[in-house]
Amino acid sequence: MGATINISTELEEKLAGRAAAQGKGFEQFALEALERAADTPTIREAFADVREQIEALGISEEELDTKIEAAVDEVRIKHRG
């Protein structure tokens, strides 16, 4: 299957510059970038197992939010002094 996409001149110039910096042709660089994007899991996919574990523990969204906020506050306090 083949596809043709239209991109702005600005994006084309950015991609061409990065391709040249890596010693690659425009098409090769663009194809590799698209392949990486397609292979990179979404945040939801990356944390699906964590969500399942949390649900298995029976922790509500509100409880989880409270625990996360407390942990973030603790880190901030440690970094301040």
Protein backbone atom coordinates (compact mmCIF):
# COMPACT_ATOMS: atom_id res chain seq x y z
CA MET A 1 0.00 0.00 0.00
CA GLY A 2 1.32 3.42 -0.85
CA ALA A 3 0.26 6.84 0.28
CA THR A 4 0.99 10.42 -0.62
CA ILE A 5 0.80 13.18 1.94
CA ASN A 6 1.09 16.93 1.55
CA ILE A 7 3.17 18.77 4.12
CA SER A 8 3.98 22.42 4.56
CA THR A 9 7.17 23.86 3.14
CA GLU A 10 8.25 24.68 6.70
CA LEU A 11 7.88 21.05 7.82
CA GLU A 12 9.61 19.82 4.68
CA GLU A 13 12.56 22.11 5.38
CA LYS A 14 12.80 20.93 9.00
CA LEU A 15 12.73 17.28 7.97
CA ALA A 16 15.24 17.85 5.18
CA GLY A 17 17.59 19.59 7.62
CA ARG A 18 17.39 16.76 10.13
CA ALA A 19 17.79 14.18 7.40
CA ALA A 20 20.91 15.91 6.10
CA ALA A 21 22.34 16.18 9.63
CA GLN A 22 22.03 12.41 9.91
CA GLY A 23 23.38 11.77 6.45
CA LYS A 24 20.06 10.39 5.23
CA GLY A 25 17.80 11.18 2.34
CA PHE A 26 14.54 13.00 2.96
CA GLU A 27 12.32 10.02 2.16
CA GLN A 28 14.34 7.60 4.30
CA PHE A 29 14.33 9.99 7.26
CA ALA A 30 10.61 10.73 6.95
CA LEU A 31 9.75 7.03 6.64
CA GLU A 32 11.82 6.17 9.72
CA ALA A 33 10.12 8.96 11.67
CA LEU A 34 6.69 7.67 10.69
CA GLU A 35 7.68 4.11 11.62
CA ARG A 36 8.87 5.28 15.07
CA ALA A 37 5.63 7.18 15.59
CA ALA A 38 3.58 4.12 14.61
CA ASP A 39 5.60 1.84 16.91
CA THR A 40 5.57 4.14 19.94
CA PRO A 41 2.80 3.17 22.37
CA THR A 42 0.36 5.80 23.51
CA ILE A 43 0.38 6.82 27.18
CA ARG A 44 -2.80 4.81 27.66
CA GLU A 45 -1.18 1.72 26.11
CA ALA A 46 2.05 2.17 28.06
CA PHE A 47 0.25 2.35 31.39
CA ALA A 48 -2.50 -0.20 30.71
CA ASP A 49 -0.93 -2.74 33.07
CA VAL A 50 -0.60 -0.12 35.82
CA ARG A 51 -4.26 0.81 35.41
CA GLU A 52 -5.24 -2.87 35.65
CA GLN A 53 -3.20 -3.26 38.83
CA ILE A 54 -4.82 -0.20 40.37
CA GLU A 55 -8.28 -1.43 39.45
CA ALA A 56 -7.44 -4.85 40.93
CA LEU A 57 -6.53 -3.16 44.21
CA GLY A 58 -9.91 -1.45 44.28
CA ILE A 59 -8.46 2.05 44.60
CA SER A 60 -10.83 4.73 43.35
CA GLU A 61 -9.74 7.49 40.99
CA GLU A 62 -10.13 9.99 43.84
CA GLU A 63 -7.94 7.93 46.18
CA LEU A 64 -5.33 7.58 43.47
CA ASP A 65 -5.38 11.32 42.78
CA THR A 66 -4.92 12.01 46.49
CA LYS A 67 -1.97 9.60 46.72
CA ILE A 68 -0.32 11.08 43.62
CA GLU A 69 -0.77 14.65 44.90
CA ALA A 70 0.74 13.67 48.26
CA ALA A 71 3.72 12.04 46.54
CA VAL A 72 4.28 15.08 44.32
CA ASP A 73 4.08 17.39 47.36
CA GLU A 74 6.63 15.22 49.17
CA VAL A 75 9.06 15.41 46.27
CA ARG A 76 8.64 19.19 46.04
CA ILE A 77 9.36 19.58 49.76
CA LYS A 78 12.52 17.43 49.46
CA HIS A 79 13.78 19.48 46.52
CA ARG A 80 13.21 22.80 48.27
CA GLY A 81 15.44 22.14 51.15
